[in-house]
Amino acid sequence: MSNSPATSQQYKRPLSVTIRRLLSYAIRYVIAAILILFAVIPALWVISASLNPAKSLVSGTLWPKDPGFTNYIQLLNNQFFPYQKWLLNSLKVAVISSSITVLITCITGYALSRFRFSGRRNLMSAILILNVFPSILAMVALFAMMQQFGMYISWLGLDTHGGLIMIYIAGAMGINALMVKSYIDAIPRELDEAAWVEGASYWQTFIYVIFPMITPMVITIGVLSFISAYGDFIIARILLKSADQLTVMVGLMLFRTDRFDQDFGVITAGAVMAALPVILLYIPLQNYVISGLTAGSVKE
C-alpha cells in the first residue's frame, strides 16, 4: 500500500509530458497556419483580381464569379505600354548580371580561400564594412558616375542596360565572394594538392576539382542575384528614362500613375506575369539554394 502513491505519480508524469508535448505541437501548427495564411491570401487575392473582369480589387468573394483573361489580353495588346519589351529587358538584365556575378564571385572566393597575399584580410574586412551601409546611400554617387561614364562609353551611361548591369554586378560581388570563400574553406586542401601532383594548374584545379563541389553555392548565388536584379525598382527607376529601356518593375509603376489608376485588373495581371519567371526559377532549384545557404554558413 505504501508504494501506490509513488506508482500513481510515475503514471502521471509521462502523461503530463505527453500533454505538454502535444500542446507545444498544437501551438506551433497554429502559428505556422497563421503565417501561411498571411503569405498565401494576398497572392491569391492578386491572382483573383487579375482574372476579375470587373477590374477591381474589392469583390464579394476571393475568387471571381466569371473569371477570364481580359486583363491579360489588354495588358499584352496595349499600344502605349510595351509590357513584353519591359519583361524581356528585365530578363536580359537579370540573366547577364547574375551570370557575370557567379563567374566573378567564384573566382574571387577561390582566390581568397586558397591563396595568401598581402592585404587579404584587409580586403575581406573592407568588403564586410561596405556591406554594412545600405545601398540607397550611394544613389547620388551612382547617378553621377553613370553620367560621367556615358560621356566616354555610351553603353555604360544613363538610360542604358549596360550601366544598370554593372551596378548590379558591383553590388552583388562583395558578400557573395565571402560566401563562396567560406564554402571552399570547408573543402580539404588535400584535393588541391592531389590535383597539383597530377600536373594540374591552379585554373584546372578550380575548374575540374573545386567548381563541381561548390555547385550548390553557385546555384544559390545565381538564383539570389537573379531575383535581386529582376525585382529591383529603385536603381532602375533612377537610371532608366526612355520607355523602351524600362524594366518590368518600373513599367508596372507607369500603369499605376497613368490612366490605369483605377484599373487594378491590368496592374495585377502585370504583377502575376512578372512573378512567373522568379517562381519558375526558384521552385526547381530551391533544394540547391537551401543546401548552399546552410552549408556555406558553417566551417567544418
Protein backbone atom coordinates (compact mmCIF):
# COMPACT_ATOMS: atom_id res chain seq x y z
CA MET A 1 0.00 0.00 0.00
CA SER A 2 2.88 2.34 0.68
CA ASN A 3 4.07 2.07 -2.94
CA SER A 4 0.74 3.00 -4.53
CA PRO A 5 1.21 6.84 -4.36
CA ALA A 6 4.65 6.58 -5.94
CA THR A 7 3.30 4.27 -8.60
CA SER A 8 0.46 6.66 -9.43
CA GLN A 9 2.93 9.56 -9.74
CA GLN A 10 5.05 7.51 -12.15
CA TYR A 11 1.99 7.02 -14.37
CA LYS A 12 1.01 10.70 -14.18
CA ARG A 13 4.41 12.11 -15.14
CA PRO A 14 4.60 10.58 -18.64
CA LEU A 15 1.01 11.66 -19.21
CA SER A 16 1.77 15.26 -18.28
CA VAL A 17 4.88 15.25 -20.52
CA THR A 18 2.80 13.93 -23.41
CA ILE A 19 0.16 16.61 -22.89
CA ARG A 20 2.78 19.36 -22.84
CA ARG A 21 4.36 17.98 -26.00
CA LEU A 22 1.04 17.82 -27.82
CA LEU A 23 0.21 21.34 -26.66
CA SER A 24 3.56 22.57 -27.94
CA TYR A 25 2.96 20.95 -31.33
CA ALA A 26 -0.55 22.44 -31.49
CA ILE A 27 0.74 25.95 -30.78
CA ARG A 28 3.43 25.59 -33.44
CA TYR A 29 0.98 24.37 -36.06
CA VAL A 30 -1.44 27.19 -35.28
CA ILE A 31 1.31 29.81 -35.61
CA ALA A 32 2.54 28.19 -38.84
CA ALA A 33 -1.01 28.13 -40.26
CA ILE A 34 -1.48 31.83 -39.46
CA LEU A 35 1.82 32.76 -41.12
CA ILE A 36 0.97 30.67 -44.19
CA LEU A 37 -2.41 32.40 -44.47
CA PHE A 38 -0.74 35.81 -44.27
CA ALA A 39 1.57 34.77 -47.13
CA VAL A 40 -0.92 32.94 -49.35
CA ILE A 41 -4.09 35.06 -49.12
CA PRO A 42 -2.54 38.26 -50.64
CA ALA A 43 -1.13 36.22 -53.53
CA LEU A 44 -4.49 34.55 -54.15
CA TRP A 45 -6.19 37.94 -53.96
CA VAL A 46 -3.87 39.37 -56.64
CA ILE A 47 -4.45 36.36 -58.90
CA SER A 48 -8.20 36.69 -58.34
CA ALA A 49 -8.12 40.40 -59.21
CA SER A 50 -6.16 39.69 -62.39
CA LEU A 51 -8.90 37.29 -63.52
CA ASN A 52 -11.76 39.55 -62.44
CA PRO A 53 -13.47 41.25 -65.43
CA ALA A 54 -14.76 43.94 -63.05
CA LYS A 55 -11.15 45.28 -62.81
CA SER A 56 -11.39 45.88 -59.08
CA LEU A 57 -9.51 44.71 -56.02
CA VAL A 58 -12.68 44.76 -53.93
CA SER A 59 -15.10 41.90 -54.56
CA GLY A 60 -17.52 39.83 -52.53
CA THR A 61 -15.60 36.59 -52.95
CA LEU A 62 -11.97 35.57 -53.03
CA TRP A 63 -12.45 34.01 -56.46
CA PRO A 64 -14.34 35.99 -59.16
CA LYS A 65 -17.69 34.70 -60.39
CA ASP A 66 -16.81 35.00 -64.08
CA PRO A 67 -13.00 34.63 -64.33
CA GLY A 68 -11.36 35.44 -67.62
CA PHE A 69 -8.16 36.62 -69.28
CA THR A 70 -9.47 40.00 -70.37
CA ASN A 71 -6.94 41.89 -68.25
CA TYR A 72 -4.04 39.83 -69.63
CA ILE A 73 -5.16 40.41 -73.23
CA GLN A 74 -5.50 44.14 -72.59
CA LEU A 75 -2.06 44.20 -70.97
CA LEU A 76 -0.28 42.44 -73.82
CA ASN A 77 -2.09 44.33 -76.58
CA ASN A 78 -1.59 47.81 -75.12
CA GLN A 79 -0.05 50.13 -77.71
CA PHE A 80 1.30 52.73 -75.31
CA PHE A 81 2.95 50.45 -72.74
CA PRO A 82 5.20 47.73 -74.26
CA TYR A 83 4.89 45.22 -71.43
CA GLN A 84 6.55 42.39 -73.38
CA LYS A 85 9.55 44.63 -74.03
CA TRP A 86 9.81 45.51 -70.35
CA LEU A 87 9.64 41.85 -69.37
CA LEU A 88 12.39 40.94 -71.84
CA ASN A 89 14.51 43.85 -70.57
CA SER A 90 14.23 42.58 -67.01
CA LEU A 91 15.12 39.04 -68.05
CA LYS A 92 18.10 40.26 -70.07
CA VAL A 93 19.47 42.43 -67.28
CA ALA A 94 18.91 39.75 -64.61
CA VAL A 95 20.42 36.88 -66.64
CA ILE A 96 23.53 38.79 -67.71
CA SER A 97 24.20 40.33 -64.29
CA SER A 98 23.67 37.07 -62.39
CA SER A 99 25.88 35.11 -64.82
CA ILE A 100 28.76 37.55 -64.55
CA THR A 101 28.28 37.77 -60.77
CA VAL A 102 28.57 33.99 -60.44
CA LEU A 103 31.73 33.91 -62.56
CA ILE A 104 33.50 36.73 -60.71
CA THR A 105 32.47 35.69 -57.19
CA CYS A 106 33.54 32.07 -57.70
CA ILE A 107 36.99 33.08 -58.91
CA THR A 108 37.33 35.69 -56.15
CA GLY A 109 36.16 33.27 -53.46
CA TYR A 110 38.66 30.66 -54.64
CA ALA A 111 41.50 33.19 -54.55
CA LEU A 112 40.57 34.38 -51.04
CA SER A 113 40.33 30.82 -49.76
CA ARG A 114 43.37 29.17 -51.33
CA PHE A 115 45.92 31.97 -51.82
CA ARG A 116 47.75 34.03 -49.22
CA PHE A 117 48.69 37.51 -50.38
CA SER A 118 49.33 40.91 -48.87
CA GLY A 119 46.15 42.77 -47.93
CA ARG A 120 43.93 39.69 -48.00
CA ARG A 121 42.45 40.20 -44.55
CA ASN A 122 42.09 43.94 -45.09
CA LEU A 123 40.22 43.26 -48.32
CA MET A 124 37.74 40.93 -46.60
CA SER A 125 37.28 43.43 -43.77
CA ALA A 126 36.61 46.20 -46.29
CA ILE A 127 34.00 44.05 -48.02
CA LEU A 128 32.21 43.45 -44.74
CA ILE A 129 32.30 47.12 -43.77
CA LEU A 130 30.97 48.27 -47.15
CA ASN A 131 28.05 45.84 -46.91
CA VAL A 132 27.01 47.36 -43.58
CA PHE A 133 25.86 50.55 -45.28
CA PRO A 134 22.58 50.46 -47.23
CA SER A 135 22.89 50.81 -51.00
CA ILE A 136 20.47 53.76 -51.00
CA LEU A 137 23.29 55.93 -49.66
CA ALA A 138 25.16 55.53 -52.95
CA MET A 139 22.32 56.62 -55.23
CA VAL A 140 23.64 60.13 -55.84
CA ALA A 141 27.19 58.87 -56.42
CA LEU A 142 25.98 56.14 -58.79
CA PHE A 143 23.95 58.62 -60.81
CA ALA A 144 26.94 60.96 -61.14
CA MET A 145 29.27 58.08 -62.07
CA MET A 146 26.93 56.78 -64.76
CA GLN A 147 26.54 60.28 -66.13
CA GLN A 148 30.33 60.63 -66.43
CA PHE A 149 30.77 57.15 -67.91
CA GLY A 150 28.15 57.93 -70.55
CA MET A 151 30.26 60.80 -71.85
CA TYR A 152 33.05 58.37 -72.83
CA ILE A 153 31.33 54.97 -73.10
CA SER A 154 27.80 55.33 -74.43
CA TRP A 155 26.59 51.85 -73.43
CA LEU A 156 27.59 52.39 -69.78
CA GLY A 157 25.86 55.71 -69.19
CA LEU A 158 22.43 56.73 -68.01
CA ASP A 159 19.40 55.10 -69.60
CA THR A 160 21.41 52.03 -70.66
CA HIS A 161 21.17 48.41 -69.61
CA GLY A 162 24.97 48.17 -69.56
CA GLY A 163 25.26 50.70 -66.75
CA LEU A 164 22.46 49.02 -64.82
CA ILE A 165 24.11 45.61 -65.17
CA MET A 166 27.46 46.99 -64.00
CA ILE A 167 25.86 48.42 -60.85
CA TYR A 168 24.10 45.14 -60.08
CA ILE A 169 27.35 43.19 -60.50
CA ALA A 170 29.31 45.59 -58.31
CA GLY A 171 26.68 45.41 -55.57
CA ALA A 172 26.49 41.61 -55.56
CA MET A 173 30.19 40.73 -55.72
CA GLY A 174 31.26 41.55 -52.17
CA ILE A 175 29.20 39.43 -49.81
CA ASN A 176 28.78 36.64 -52.37
CA ALA A 177 32.55 36.31 -52.73
CA LEU A 178 32.82 35.82 -48.97
CA MET A 179 30.07 33.18 -49.10
CA VAL A 180 31.99 31.25 -51.77
CA LYS A 181 35.20 31.65 -49.76
CA SER A 182 33.52 30.19 -46.68
CA TYR A 183 32.17 27.28 -48.73
CA ILE A 184 35.57 26.49 -50.28
CA ASP A 185 37.24 26.66 -46.86
CA ALA A 186 35.30 23.52 -45.92
CA ILE A 187 36.82 21.58 -48.86
CA PRO A 188 40.02 19.74 -47.83
CA ARG A 189 43.21 21.15 -49.30
CA GLU A 190 44.41 17.61 -49.94
CA LEU A 191 42.20 17.55 -53.03
CA ASP A 192 44.05 20.56 -54.45
CA GLU A 193 47.40 19.00 -53.63
CA ALA A 194 46.42 15.73 -55.29
CA ALA A 195 45.49 17.64 -58.44
CA TRP A 196 48.82 19.50 -58.37
CA VAL A 197 50.70 16.23 -58.07
CA GLU A 198 48.94 15.05 -61.22
CA GLY A 199 50.20 18.15 -63.02
CA ALA A 200 47.07 20.33 -62.85
CA SER A 201 47.44 24.08 -62.77
CA TYR A 202 45.57 26.37 -60.39
CA TRP A 203 42.98 27.10 -63.05
CA GLN A 204 42.49 23.41 -63.88
CA THR A 205 42.20 22.62 -60.18
CA PHE A 206 39.49 25.21 -59.82
CA ILE A 207 37.56 24.11 -62.92
CA TYR A 208 37.74 20.32 -62.52
CA VAL A 209 38.05 19.83 -58.74
CA ILE A 210 36.67 22.81 -56.80
CA PHE A 211 33.92 24.09 -59.08
CA PRO A 212 31.93 20.81 -59.24
CA MET A 213 31.99 20.63 -55.43
CA ILE A 214 30.59 24.16 -54.95
CA THR A 215 27.63 23.65 -57.28
CA PRO A 216 25.03 24.31 -54.53
CA MET A 217 26.67 27.63 -53.67
CA VAL A 218 26.98 28.56 -57.35
CA ILE A 219 23.28 27.93 -57.90
CA THR A 220 22.43 29.81 -54.70
CA ILE A 221 24.36 32.90 -55.77
CA GLY A 222 22.92 32.71 -59.27
CA VAL A 223 19.32 32.46 -58.08
CA LEU A 224 19.63 35.18 -55.44
CA SER A 225 21.44 37.52 -57.84
CA PHE A 226 18.79 36.92 -60.50
CA ILE A 227 15.95 37.64 -58.07
CA SER A 228 17.68 40.76 -56.74
CA ALA A 229 18.33 42.22 -60.20
CA TYR A 230 14.97 41.19 -61.61
CA GLY A 231 12.98 42.66 -58.74
CA ASP A 232 14.94 45.88 -58.30
CA PHE A 233 12.96 49.10 -58.64
CA ILE A 234 14.92 51.99 -57.09
CA ILE A 235 18.14 51.83 -59.13
CA ALA A 236 16.30 51.06 -62.38
CA ARG A 237 13.89 53.92 -61.75
CA ILE A 238 16.75 56.39 -61.25
CA LEU A 239 18.91 55.32 -64.21
CA LEU A 240 16.36 54.39 -66.89
CA LYS A 241 14.21 57.04 -68.56
CA SER A 242 13.05 56.00 -72.03
CA ALA A 243 10.07 53.65 -72.33
CA ASP A 244 11.93 51.05 -74.41
CA GLN A 245 14.66 50.69 -71.79
CA LEU A 246 12.48 50.29 -68.71
CA THR A 247 12.34 47.08 -66.72
CA VAL A 248 9.08 45.43 -65.79
CA MET A 249 9.07 46.68 -62.19
CA VAL A 250 9.43 50.29 -63.29
CA GLY A 251 6.92 49.77 -66.07
CA LEU A 252 4.28 48.50 -63.66
CA MET A 253 4.52 51.81 -61.83
CA LEU A 254 3.55 53.62 -65.03
CA PHE A 255 0.30 51.65 -65.12
CA ARG A 256 -0.42 52.83 -61.61
CA THR A 257 0.38 56.51 -62.23
CA ASP A 258 -1.16 56.86 -65.67
CA ARG A 259 -4.73 56.32 -66.84
CA PHE A 260 -4.90 52.89 -65.21
CA ASP A 261 -5.05 54.36 -61.72
CA GLN A 262 -8.44 52.70 -61.20
CA ASP A 263 -7.92 49.68 -63.49
CA PHE A 264 -6.41 47.30 -60.98
CA GLY A 265 -7.10 44.31 -63.21
CA VAL A 266 -4.34 45.25 -65.66
CA ILE A 267 -1.93 46.08 -62.84
CA THR A 268 -2.48 42.77 -61.07
CA ALA A 269 -2.23 40.87 -64.36
CA GLY A 270 1.16 42.51 -64.94
CA ALA A 271 2.24 41.65 -61.41
CA VAL A 272 1.27 37.98 -61.86
CA MET A 273 3.13 37.69 -65.15
CA ALA A 274 6.18 39.44 -63.69
CA ALA A 275 6.29 36.95 -60.81
CA LEU A 276 6.25 33.86 -63.05
CA PRO A 277 9.97 33.86 -64.04
CA VAL A 278 11.07 34.03 -60.41
CA ILE A 279 8.67 31.24 -59.40
CA LEU A 280 9.68 29.02 -62.32
CA LEU A 281 13.36 29.54 -61.48
CA TYR A 282 13.19 29.11 -57.72
CA ILE A 283 10.90 26.07 -57.38
CA PRO A 284 13.13 23.51 -59.20
CA LEU A 285 16.29 24.93 -57.59
CA GLN A 286 15.07 25.52 -54.04
CA ASN A 287 16.86 22.44 -52.65
CA TYR A 288 20.18 23.71 -54.04
CA VAL A 289 19.55 27.16 -52.60
CA ILE A 290 18.78 25.79 -49.13
CA SER A 291 21.81 23.48 -49.31
CA GLY A 292 24.09 26.30 -50.39
CA LEU A 293 22.92 28.69 -47.67
CA THR A 294 23.17 26.14 -44.85
CA ALA A 295 26.44 24.54 -45.94
CA GLY A 296 28.11 27.88 -46.52
CA SER A 297 27.17 29.15 -43.09
CA VAL A 298 29.43 26.78 -41.15
CA LYS A 299 33.04 25.81 -41.38
CA GLU A 300 33.92 22.17 -40.89
